[in-house]
C-alpha atoms as a PDB file:
ATOM      1  CA  LEU A   1       0.000   0.000   0.000  1.00  0.00           C
ATOM      2  CA  THR A   2       1.168   3.521  -0.726  1.00  0.00           C
ATOM      3  CA  ARG A   3       0.358   5.723   2.205  1.00  0.00           C
ATOM      4  CA  PRO A   4      -0.965   9.206   1.316  1.00  0.00           C
ATOM      5  CA  PRO A   5       0.136  11.997   3.632  1.00  0.00           C
ATOM      6  CA  GLY A   6      -1.817  11.805   6.870  1.00  0.00           C
ATOM      7  CA  ARG A   7      -3.398   8.426   6.005  1.00  0.00           C
ATOM      8  CA  PRO A   8      -2.176   5.663   8.355  1.00  0.00           C
ATOM      9  CA  VAL A   9      -1.732   2.228   6.833  1.00  0.00           C
ATOM     10  CA  ARG A  10      -3.965   0.761   9.536  1.00  0.00           C
ATOM     11  CA  LEU A  11      -6.839   3.007   8.487  1.00  0.00           C
ATOM     12  CA  GLN A  12      -6.371   2.016   4.838  1.00  0.00           C
ATOM     13  CA  LEU A  13      -6.421  -1.668   5.786  1.00  0.00           C
ATOM     14  CA  GLU A  14      -9.613  -1.209   7.785  1.00  0.00           C
ATOM     15  CA  GLU A  15     -11.276   0.522   4.844  1.00  0.00           C
ATOM     16  CA  LEU A  16     -10.155  -2.266   2.503  1.00  0.00           C
ATOM     17  CA  ALA A  17     -11.530  -4.885   4.886  1.00  0.00           C
ATOM     18  CA  ASP A  18     -14.881  -3.054   5.060  1.00  0.00           C
ATOM     19  CA  THR A  19     -15.049  -2.865   1.258  1.00  0.00           C
ATOM     20  CA  LEU A  20     -14.319  -6.578   0.842  1.00  0.00           C
ATOM     21  CA  ASP A  21     -16.844  -7.496   3.520  1.00  0.00           C
ATOM     22  CA  GLY A  22     -19.508  -5.328   1.892  1.00  0.00           C
ATOM     23  CA  SER A  23     -18.985  -7.002  -1.490  1.00  0.00           C
ATOM     24  CA  ARG A  24     -18.752 -10.546  -0.121  1.00  0.00           C
ATOM     25  CA  GLU A  25     -22.344 -11.488  -0.917  1.00  0.00           C
ATOM     26  CA  ALA A  26     -22.009 -10.344  -4.532  1.00  0.00           C
ATOM     27  CA  ARG A  27     -18.711 -12.212  -4.932  1.00  0.00           C
ATOM     28  CA  GLU A  28     -20.182 -15.403  -3.458  1.00  0.00           C
ATOM     29  CA  TYR A  29     -23.144 -15.201  -5.846  1.00  0.00           C
ATOM     30  CA  GLU A  30     -20.847 -14.754  -8.840  1.00  0.00           C
ATOM     31  CA  LEU A  31     -18.661 -17.698  -7.764  1.00  0.00           C
ATOM     32  CA  ARG A  32     -21.698 -19.987  -7.443  1.00  0.00           C
ATOM     33  CA  ALA A  33     -22.924 -18.914 -10.884  1.00  0.00           C
ATOM     34  CA  ARG A  34     -19.524 -19.646 -12.437  1.00  0.00           C
ATOM     35  CA  LEU A  35     -19.370 -23.081 -10.835  1.00  0.00           C
ATOM     36  CA  VAL A  36     -22.814 -24.011 -12.141  1.00  0.00           C
ATOM     37  CA  ARG A  37     -21.939 -22.846 -15.658  1.00  0.00           C
ATOM     38  CA  SER A  38     -18.675 -24.784 -15.572  1.00  0.00           C
ATOM     39  CA  VAL A  39     -20.347 -28.048 -14.542  1.00  0.00           C
ATOM     40  CA  THR A  40     -23.250 -27.812 -17.011  1.00  0.00           C
ATOM     41  CA  GLU A  41     -21.523 -26.214 -20.008  1.00  0.00           C
ATOM     42  CA  GLY A  42     -20.979 -29.410 -22.020  1.00  0.00           C
ATOM     43  CA  ALA A  43     -24.586 -30.605 -21.878  1.00  0.00           C
ATOM     44  CA  TYR A  44     -25.912 -27.076 -22.310  1.00  0.00           C
ATOM     45  CA  ASN A  45     -23.977 -26.442 -25.522  1.00  0.00           C
ATOM     46  CA  LYS A  46     -25.706 -29.413 -27.195  1.00  0.00           C
ATOM     47  CA  LEU A  47     -29.085 -27.724 -26.719  1.00  0.00           C
ATOM     48  CA  ARG A  48     -28.281 -24.507 -28.616  1.00  0.00           C
ATOM     49  CA  PRO A  49     -29.706 -24.473 -32.173  1.00  0.00           C
ATOM     50  CA  PRO A  50     -28.971 -21.743 -34.751  1.00  0.00           C
ATOM     51  CA  PRO A  51     -31.477 -18.839 -34.881  1.00  0.00           C
ATOM     52  CA  GLU A  52     -32.598 -19.831 -38.372  1.00  0.00           C
ATOM     53  CA  SER A  53     -34.118 -23.016 -36.955  1.00  0.00           C
ATOM     54  CA  LEU A  54     -36.896 -20.941 -35.338  1.00  0.00           C
ATOM     55  CA  ALA A  55     -37.380 -18.371 -38.119  1.00  0.00           C
ATOM     56  CA  ASP A  56     -41.005 -17.311 -38.614  1.00  0.00           C
ATOM     57  CA  PRO A  57     -42.154 -15.076 -41.506  1.00  0.00           C
ATOM     58  CA  SER A  58     -44.912 -13.603 -39.327  1.00  0.00           C
ATOM     59  CA  VAL A  59     -42.322 -11.506 -37.450  1.00  0.00           C
ATOM     60  CA  ASP A  60     -40.280 -10.349 -40.456  1.00  0.00           C
ATOM     61  CA  HIS A  61     -41.576  -6.794 -40.018  1.00  0.00           C
ATOM     62  CA  VAL A  62     -40.324  -6.421 -36.431  1.00  0.00           C
ATOM     63  CA  ILE A  63     -36.585  -5.884 -37.067  1.00  0.00           C
ATOM     64  CA  SER A  64     -35.437  -4.352 -40.345  1.00  0.00           C
ATOM     65  CA  ALA A  65     -32.010  -4.595 -41.947  1.00  0.00           C
ATOM     66  CA  ARG A  66     -31.421  -0.996 -40.850  1.00  0.00           C
ATOM     67  CA  ASP A  67     -32.352  -1.905 -37.270  1.00  0.00           C
ATOM     68  CA  ALA A  68     -29.952  -4.857 -37.344  1.00  0.00           C
ATOM     69  CA  ALA A  69     -27.130  -2.645 -38.639  1.00  0.00           C
ATOM     70  CA  ARG A  70     -27.750  -0.107 -35.864  1.00  0.00           C
ATOM     71  CA  LEU A  71     -27.723  -2.868 -33.262  1.00  0.00           C
ATOM     72  CA  ARG A  72     -24.532  -4.308 -34.731  1.00  0.00           C
ATOM     73  CA  GLY A  73     -22.860  -0.885 -34.408  1.00  0.00           C
ATOM     74  CA  GLY A  74     -23.209  -1.324 -30.690  1.00  0.00           C
ATOM     75  CA  GLY A  75     -21.890   1.987 -29.361  1.00  0.00           C
ATOM     76  CA  GLY A  76     -24.187   3.682 -26.888  1.00  0.00           C
ATOM     77  CA  ILE A  77     -27.904   4.072 -26.320  1.00  0.00           C
ATOM     78  CA  ASP A  78     -28.520   4.912 -29.986  1.00  0.00           C
ATOM     79  CA  ALA A  79     -27.760   1.268 -30.807  1.00  0.00           C
ATOM     80  CA  VAL A  80     -30.599   0.002 -28.582  1.00  0.00           C
ATOM     81  CA  LEU A  81     -33.746  -1.037 -30.456  1.00  0.00           C
ATOM     82  CA  VAL A  82     -37.024  -0.044 -28.781  1.00  0.00           C
ATOM     83  CA  LEU A  83     -39.712  -1.611 -30.962  1.00  0.00           C
ATOM     84  CA  ASP A  84     -43.500  -1.413 -30.875  1.00  0.00           C
ATOM     85  CA  PRO A  85     -44.320  -3.727 -33.788  1.00  0.00           C
ATOM     86  CA  GLU A  86     -47.240  -2.970 -36.061  1.00  0.00           C
ATOM     87  CA  PRO A  87     -48.938  -5.331 -36.345  1.00  0.00           C
ATOM     88  CA  ALA A  88     -48.170  -6.414 -32.795  1.00  0.00           C
ATOM     89  CA  LEU A  89     -46.675  -9.807 -32.033  1.00  0.00           C
ATOM     90  CA  LEU A  90     -50.070 -10.771 -30.615  1.00  0.00           C
ATOM     91  CA  PRO A  91     -53.455  -9.060 -30.664  1.00  0.00           C
ATOM     92  CA  ARG A  92     -54.218  -7.253 -27.426  1.00  0.00           C
ATOM     93  CA  HIS A  93     -56.628  -9.901 -26.121  1.00  0.00           C
ATOM     94  CA  ALA A  94     -54.124 -12.698 -26.832  1.00  0.00           C
ATOM     95  CA  LEU A  95     -51.307 -10.777 -25.124  1.00  0.00           C
ATOM     96  CA  ALA A  96     -53.563 -10.322 -22.095  1.00  0.00           C
ATOM     97  CA  GLU A  97     -54.291 -14.074 -22.063  1.00  0.00           C
ATOM     98  CA  ALA A  98     -50.572 -14.895 -22.187  1.00  0.00           C
ATOM     99  CA  SER A  99     -49.814 -12.312 -19.505  1.00  0.00           C
ATOM    100  CA  ASP A 100     -52.494 -13.741 -17.195  1.00  0.00           C
ATOM    101  CA  GLU A 101     -51.212 -17.285 -17.659  1.00  0.00           C
ATOM    102  CA  LEU A 102     -47.605 -16.298 -17.008  1.00  0.00           C
ATOM    103  CA  ARG A 103     -48.607 -14.383 -13.873  1.00  0.00           C
ATOM    104  CA  ARG A 104     -50.249 -17.544 -12.568  1.00  0.00           C
ATOM    105  CA  LEU A 105     -47.050 -19.458 -13.307  1.00  0.00           C
ATOM    106  CA  VAL A 106     -44.968 -17.105 -11.164  1.00  0.00           C
ATOM    107  CA  ALA A 107     -45.994 -18.960  -7.985  1.00  0.00           C
ATOM    108  CA  GLN A 108     -45.278 -22.370  -9.547  1.00  0.00           C
ATOM    109  CA  ARG A 109     -42.157 -21.923 -11.668  1.00  0.00           C
ATOM    110  CA  THR A 110     -40.151 -19.023 -10.312  1.00  0.00           C
ATOM    111  CA  GLN A 111     -37.868 -18.451  -7.346  1.00  0.00           C
ATOM    112  CA  GLU A 112     -36.943 -15.277  -5.567  1.00  0.00           C
ATOM    113  CA  SER A 113     -33.641 -13.901  -6.815  1.00  0.00           C
ATOM    114  CA  ILE A 114     -30.568 -14.499  -4.655  1.00  0.00           C
ATOM    115  CA  ASN A 115     -28.564 -12.004  -6.685  1.00  0.00           C
ATOM    116  CA  PRO A 116     -27.686  -9.198  -4.220  1.00  0.00           C
ATOM    117  CA  CYS A 117     -28.062  -6.659  -7.056  1.00  0.00           C
ATOM    118  CA  ASN A 118     -31.560  -7.905  -7.902  1.00  0.00           C
ATOM    119  CA  ARG A 119     -33.351  -8.382  -4.598  1.00  0.00           C
ATOM    120  CA  GLY A 120     -37.113  -8.805  -4.425  1.00  0.00           C
ATOM    121  CA  SER A 121     -37.647 -10.051  -7.975  1.00  0.00           C
ATOM    122  CA  TRP A 122     -38.716 -13.551  -9.038  1.00  0.00           C
ATOM    123  CA  HIS A 123     -37.346 -15.510 -11.989  1.00  0.00           C
ATOM    124  CA  GLY A 124     -37.978 -18.805 -13.753  1.00  0.00           C
ATOM    125  CA  PHE A 125     -37.472 -20.362 -17.171  1.00  0.00           C
ATOM    126  CA  LEU A 126     -39.770 -21.514 -19.962  1.00  0.00           C
ATOM    127  CA  PRO A 127     -38.690 -23.781 -22.841  1.00  0.00           C
ATOM    128  CA  LEU A 128     -38.101 -22.076 -26.154  1.00  0.00           C
ATOM    129  CA  ASP A 129     -38.858 -25.307 -28.011  1.00  0.00           C
ATOM    130  CA  ALA A 130     -42.566 -25.258 -28.969  1.00  0.00           C
ATOM    131  CA  ASP A 131     -43.096 -28.992 -28.410  1.00  0.00           C
ATOM    132  CA  LYS A 132     -41.576 -28.914 -24.931  1.00  0.00           C
ATOM    133  CA  ALA A 133     -43.598 -25.818 -24.039  1.00  0.00           C
ATOM    134  CA  ALA A 134     -46.793 -27.487 -25.253  1.00  0.00           C
ATOM    135  CA  ARG A 135     -46.083 -30.588 -23.163  1.00  0.00           C
ATOM    136  CA  GLN A 136     -45.895 -28.332 -20.120  1.00  0.00           C
ATOM    137  CA  GLY A 137     -49.524 -27.373 -20.715  1.00  0.00           C
ATOM    138  CA  LEU A 138     -49.026 -23.761 -21.767  1.00  0.00           C
ATOM    139  CA  GLY A 139     -51.975 -22.158 -23.519  1.00  0.00           C
ATOM    140  CA  PRO A 140     -52.111 -21.203 -27.207  1.00  0.00           C
ATOM    141  CA  SER A 141     -51.488 -17.491 -26.644  1.00  0.00           C
ATOM    142  CA  THR A 142     -48.400 -18.143 -24.516  1.00  0.00           C
ATOM    143  CA  LEU A 143     -47.107 -20.686 -27.041  1.00  0.00           C
ATOM    144  CA  ALA A 144     -47.575 -18.185 -29.869  1.00  0.00           C
ATOM    145  CA  LEU A 145     -45.731 -15.520 -27.883  1.00  0.00           C
ATOM    146  CA  LEU A 146     -42.787 -17.834 -27.157  1.00  0.00           C
ATOM    147  CA  ARG A 147     -42.637 -18.891 -30.815  1.00  0.00           C
ATOM    148  CA  LYS A 148     -42.530 -15.308 -32.047  1.00  0.00           C
ATOM    149  CA  LEU A 149     -39.992 -14.202 -29.445  1.00  0.00           C
ATOM    150  CA  GLY A 150     -37.804 -17.160 -30.420  1.00  0.00           C
ATOM    151  CA  ALA A 151     -37.991 -16.112 -34.083  1.00  0.00           C
ATOM    152  CA  LEU A 152     -36.606 -12.598 -33.542  1.00  0.00           C
ATOM    153  CA  PRO A 153     -32.869 -13.507 -33.380  1.00  0.00           C
ATOM    154  CA  ALA A 154     -33.043 -14.896 -36.920  1.00  0.00           C
ATOM    155  CA  LEU A 155     -33.914 -11.395 -38.159  1.00  0.00           C
ATOM    156  CA  VAL A 156     -30.578 -10.144 -36.804  1.00  0.00           C
ATOM    157  CA  SER A 157     -28.542 -13.199 -37.795  1.00  0.00           C
ATOM    158  CA  ARG A 158     -29.630 -13.122 -41.435  1.00  0.00           C
ATOM    159  CA  CYS A 159     -28.302  -9.553 -41.767  1.00  0.00           C
ATOM    160  CA  GLY A 160     -24.843 -10.656 -40.648  1.00  0.00           C
ATOM    161  CA  TRP A 161     -23.185 -10.634 -37.237  1.00  0.00           C
ATOM    162  CA  GLY A 162     -19.569 -10.631 -36.162  1.00  0.00           C
ATOM    163  CA  ARG A 163     -19.634 -14.272 -35.046  1.00  0.00           C
ATOM    164  CA  PRO A 164     -22.082 -17.198 -35.250  1.00  0.00           C
ATOM    165  CA  LEU A 165     -25.158 -16.936 -33.048  1.00  0.00           C
ATOM    166  CA  VAL A 166     -27.069 -19.699 -31.292  1.00  0.00           C
ATOM    167  CA  LEU A 167     -30.259 -19.863 -29.232  1.00  0.00           C
ATOM    168  CA  PRO A 168     -30.550 -20.935 -25.590  1.00  0.00           C
ATOM    169  CA  PRO A 169     -32.950 -23.740 -24.664  1.00  0.00           C
ATOM    170  CA  ALA A 170     -35.110 -21.454 -22.519  1.00  0.00           C
ATOM    171  CA  VAL A 171     -36.262 -17.893 -21.959  1.00  0.00           C
ATOM    172  CA  GLN A 172     -36.435 -16.200 -18.585  1.00  0.00           C
ATOM    173  CA  LEU A 173     -39.696 -15.129 -16.998  1.00  0.00           C
ATOM    174  CA  GLY A 174     -39.023 -12.114 -14.775  1.00  0.00           C
ATOM    175  CA  PHE A 175     -41.500 -10.801 -12.194  1.00  0.00           C
ATOM    176  CA  TYR A 176     -41.170  -7.644 -10.091  1.00  0.00           C
ATOM    177  CA  PRO A 177     -43.950  -7.320  -7.475  1.00  0.00           C
ATOM    178  CA  GLY A 178     -45.539  -3.887  -7.451  1.00  0.00           C
ATOM    179  CA  GLY A 179     -44.859  -1.783  -4.373  1.00  0.00           C
ATOM    180  CA  SER A 180     -42.173  -4.162  -3.086  1.00  0.00           C
ATOM    181  CA  GLY A 181     -39.205  -1.949  -3.915  1.00  0.00           C
ATOM    182  CA  ALA A 182     -37.763  -4.726  -6.101  1.00  0.00           C
ATOM    183  CA  ARG A 183     -35.276  -3.417  -8.630  1.00  0.00           C
ATOM    184  CA  TYR A 184     -32.165  -4.449 -10.534  1.00  0.00           C
ATOM    185  CA  SER A 185     -29.122  -2.252 -10.018  1.00  0.00           C
ATOM    186  CA  PRO A 186     -27.137  -1.058 -13.076  1.00  0.00           C
ATOM    187  CA  HIS A 187     -25.451  -4.033 -14.761  1.00  0.00           C
ATOM    188  CA  LEU A 188     -24.375  -5.663 -17.992  1.00  0.00           C
ATOM    189  CA  ASP A 189     -25.905  -8.965 -19.054  1.00  0.00           C
ATOM    190  CA  ARG A 190     -22.370 -10.205 -19.781  1.00  0.00           C
ATOM    191  CA  ASN A 191     -19.409  -8.689 -18.015  1.00  0.00           C
ATOM    192  CA  PRO A 192     -16.011  -8.260 -19.730  1.00  0.00           C
ATOM    193  CA  GLY A 193     -13.926 -11.413 -19.426  1.00  0.00           C
ATOM    194  CA  GLU A 194     -16.776 -13.413 -17.913  1.00  0.00           C
ATOM    195  CA  VAL A 195     -16.056 -17.123 -18.253  1.00  0.00           C
ATOM    196  CA  GLY A 196     -18.717 -19.502 -19.560  1.00  0.00           C
ATOM    197  CA  LEU A 197     -21.438 -16.883 -20.055  1.00  0.00           C
ATOM    198  CA  LYS A 198     -21.954 -16.356 -23.788  1.00  0.00           C
ATOM    199  CA  ARG A 199     -24.819 -13.883 -23.904  1.00  0.00           C
ATOM    200  CA  GLU A 200     -24.470 -11.792 -27.051  1.00  0.00           C
ATOM    201  CA  ILE A 201     -27.815 -10.072 -27.713  1.00  0.00           C
ATOM    202  CA  THR A 202     -30.577  -9.413 -25.182  1.00  0.00           C
ATOM    203  CA  PHE A 203     -34.189  -9.557 -26.397  1.00  0.00           C
ATOM    204  CA  LEU A 204     -36.775  -8.244 -23.916  1.00  0.00           C
ATOM    205  CA  LEU A 205     -40.519  -8.657 -24.410  1.00  0.00           C
ATOM    206  CA  TYR A 206     -42.856  -6.888 -21.992  1.00  0.00           C
ATOM    207  CA  LEU A 207     -46.231  -8.322 -20.992  1.00  0.00           C
ATOM    208  CA  ASN A 208     -47.729  -5.431 -19.032  1.00  0.00           C
ATOM    209  CA  VAL A 209     -51.093  -4.660 -20.615  1.00  0.00           C
ATOM    210  CA  ASP A 210     -52.491  -1.196 -19.722  1.00  0.00           C
ATOM    211  CA  TRP A 211     -49.229  -0.134 -18.074  1.00  0.00           C
ATOM    212  CA  ASP A 212     -49.282   3.487 -16.856  1.00  0.00           C
ATOM    213  CA  THR A 213     -45.683   4.636 -16.490  1.00  0.00           C
ATOM    214  CA  ASP A 214     -46.577   7.777 -14.531  1.00  0.00           C
ATOM    215  CA  ARG A 215     -48.388   5.688 -11.916  1.00  0.00           C
ATOM    216  CA  HIS A 216     -46.504   2.408 -12.054  1.00  0.00           C
ATOM    217  CA  GLY A 217     -42.882   3.325 -12.825  1.00  0.00           C
ATOM    218  CA  GLY A 218     -40.858   0.162 -13.460  1.00  0.00           C
ATOM    219  CA  CYS A 219     -38.920   1.579 -16.402  1.00  0.00           C
ATOM    220  CA  LEU A 220     -35.883   0.010 -17.971  1.00  0.00           C
ATOM    221  CA  ARG A 221     -33.154   2.638 -17.539  1.00  0.00           C
ATOM    222  CA  LEU A 222     -30.453   2.668 -20.213  1.00  0.00           C
ATOM    223  CA  HIS A 223     -27.141   4.233 -19.215  1.00  0.00           C
ATOM    224  CA  PRO A 224     -24.724   5.839 -21.678  1.00  0.00           C
ATOM    225  CA  PRO A 225     -21.173   4.433 -21.901  1.00  0.00           C
ATOM    226  CA  ASP A 226     -19.936   7.364 -19.801  1.00  0.00           C
ATOM    227  CA  ARG A 227     -21.417  10.470 -18.230  1.00  0.00           C
ATOM    228  CA  ALA A 228     -20.033  12.651 -20.994  1.00  0.00           C
ATOM    229  CA  SER A 229     -22.192  10.750 -23.479  1.00  0.00           C
ATOM    230  CA  GLY A 230     -25.418  12.192 -22.080  1.00  0.00           C
ATOM    231  CA  ALA A 231     -28.192  11.370 -19.635  1.00  0.00           C
ATOM    232  CA  PRO A 232     -29.792   7.955 -19.051  1.00  0.00           C
ATOM    233  CA  VAL A 233     -32.893   7.066 -21.066  1.00  0.00           C
ATOM    234  CA  ASP A 234     -35.944   5.441 -19.461  1.00  0.00           C
ATOM    235  CA  VAL A 235     -37.999   2.933 -21.477  1.00  0.00           C
ATOM    236  CA  ALA A 236     -41.508   2.099 -20.290  1.00  0.00           C
ATOM    237  CA  PRO A 237     -42.259  -1.658 -20.082  1.00  0.00           C
ATOM    238  CA  LEU A 238     -45.408  -1.424 -22.205  1.00  0.00           C
ATOM    239  CA  GLY A 239     -47.192  -4.633 -23.118  1.00  0.00           C
ATOM    240  CA  GLY A 240     -45.999  -5.990 -26.477  1.00  0.00           C
ATOM    241  CA  ARG A 241     -42.901  -3.767 -26.609  1.00  0.00           C
ATOM    242  CA  VAL A 242     -39.610  -5.383 -27.632  1.00  0.00           C
ATOM    243  CA  VAL A 243     -36.207  -4.023 -26.587  1.00  0.00           C
ATOM    244  CA  VAL A 244     -32.970  -5.360 -28.093  1.00  0.00           C
ATOM    245  CA  PHE A 245     -29.348  -4.535 -27.221  1.00  0.00           C
ATOM    246  CA  GLN A 246     -25.879  -6.036 -27.058  1.00  0.00           C
ATOM    247  CA  SER A 247     -25.619  -7.972 -23.802  1.00  0.00           C
ATOM    248  CA  GLY A 248     -21.988  -7.115 -23.080  1.00  0.00           C
ATOM    249  CA  LYS A 249     -22.155  -3.418 -23.944  1.00  0.00           C
ATOM    250  CA  GLN A 250     -25.378  -1.813 -22.723  1.00  0.00           C
ATOM    251  CA  LEU A 251     -25.432  -0.880 -19.037  1.00  0.00           C
ATOM    252  CA  HIS A 252     -29.028  -0.933 -17.765  1.00  0.00           C
ATOM    253  CA  GLU A 253     -31.182  -1.261 -14.679  1.00  0.00           C
ATOM    254  CA  VAL A 254     -34.785  -1.983 -13.717  1.00  0.00           C
ATOM    255  CA  LEU A 255     -36.471   0.708 -11.621  1.00  0.00           C
ATOM    256  CA  PRO A 256     -39.009  -0.162  -8.883  1.00  0.00           C
ATOM    257  CA  CYS A 257     -42.684  -0.353  -9.821  1.00  0.00           C
ATOM    258  CA  ASP A 258     -45.642   0.826  -7.740  1.00  0.00           C
ATOM    259  CA  GLY A 259     -49.236  -0.344  -7.751  1.00  0.00           C
ATOM    260  CA  ALA A 260     -48.788  -2.969 -10.467  1.00  0.00           C
ATOM    261  CA  ASP A 261     -46.655  -6.053 -11.004  1.00  0.00           C
ATOM    262  CA  ARG A 262     -44.074  -5.957 -13.788  1.00  0.00           C
ATOM    263  CA  LEU A 263     -43.677  -8.969 -16.067  1.00  0.00           C
ATOM    264  CA  ALA A 264     -41.189  -9.613 -18.870  1.00  0.00           C
ATOM    265  CA  LEU A 265     -39.664 -12.390 -20.952  1.00  0.00           C
ATOM    266  CA  THR A 266     -35.926 -12.281 -21.679  1.00  0.00           C
ATOM    267  CA  LEU A 267     -34.172 -14.213 -24.423  1.00  0.00           C
ATOM    268  CA  TRP A 268     -30.381 -14.078 -24.409  1.00  0.00           C
ATOM    269  CA  CYS A 269     -29.139 -14.981 -27.878  1.00  0.00           C
ATOM    270  CA  GLU A 270     -25.635 -16.390 -27.451  1.00  0.00           C
ATOM    271  CA  TYR A 271     -22.457 -16.594 -29.487  1.00  0.00           C
ATOM    272  CA  GLU A 272     -21.137 -19.974 -30.616  1.00  0.00           C
END
């Protein structure tokens, strides 16, 4: 340690110890996650098909070649795609049916997050494969939503990407109880140098029908690469909205919601 004038080494050591103790929970969580990925990586890799295997012409209008090029550019908030497809992925009544079914599944198929940066939220996984999802008894609206979400990565892949892309076997169902204070602190979906985690592109699909941002909050906050790049941008989690960004580049957070529960599906398209 280099001792600044008037700063005893003992005091510096005490401050270092306090810092390490305060970050212990986060470091333990990260170590557990790395161990799980290391043990399961071989079997997991066999379950990752190419995006083209789930291509669906019914979503071809959602992401254009220009959108894909902007996403591929990657630098800053301007590269984030905030999409309100027209026509929507599902009609409003079908989206509401899927949202209601997934809310009922929260109690059965999700667990409260143990991530110290994401306290109070609940998360579970649903199969991306249509046959597996059907065997789990999911309704037609939910199956259609999963099929169309799973088809979106092909729209990016067919326009060219820097390396081969593959799909995960499942999508995440994320639930933030209204009024609970649950939030997700600023983070990347893949940190630099992270071992075993191959998230390349994040696809978010919101399921919050009749969401009122002024009353309910719960925005996705996008942070610029540095403070000199401008102010953060808040994106309302409106039902049917799709948000796409590079997992390892876009710093973001989930703000608390009030008076209404917040529900989203997340698909992390991975690199080969």
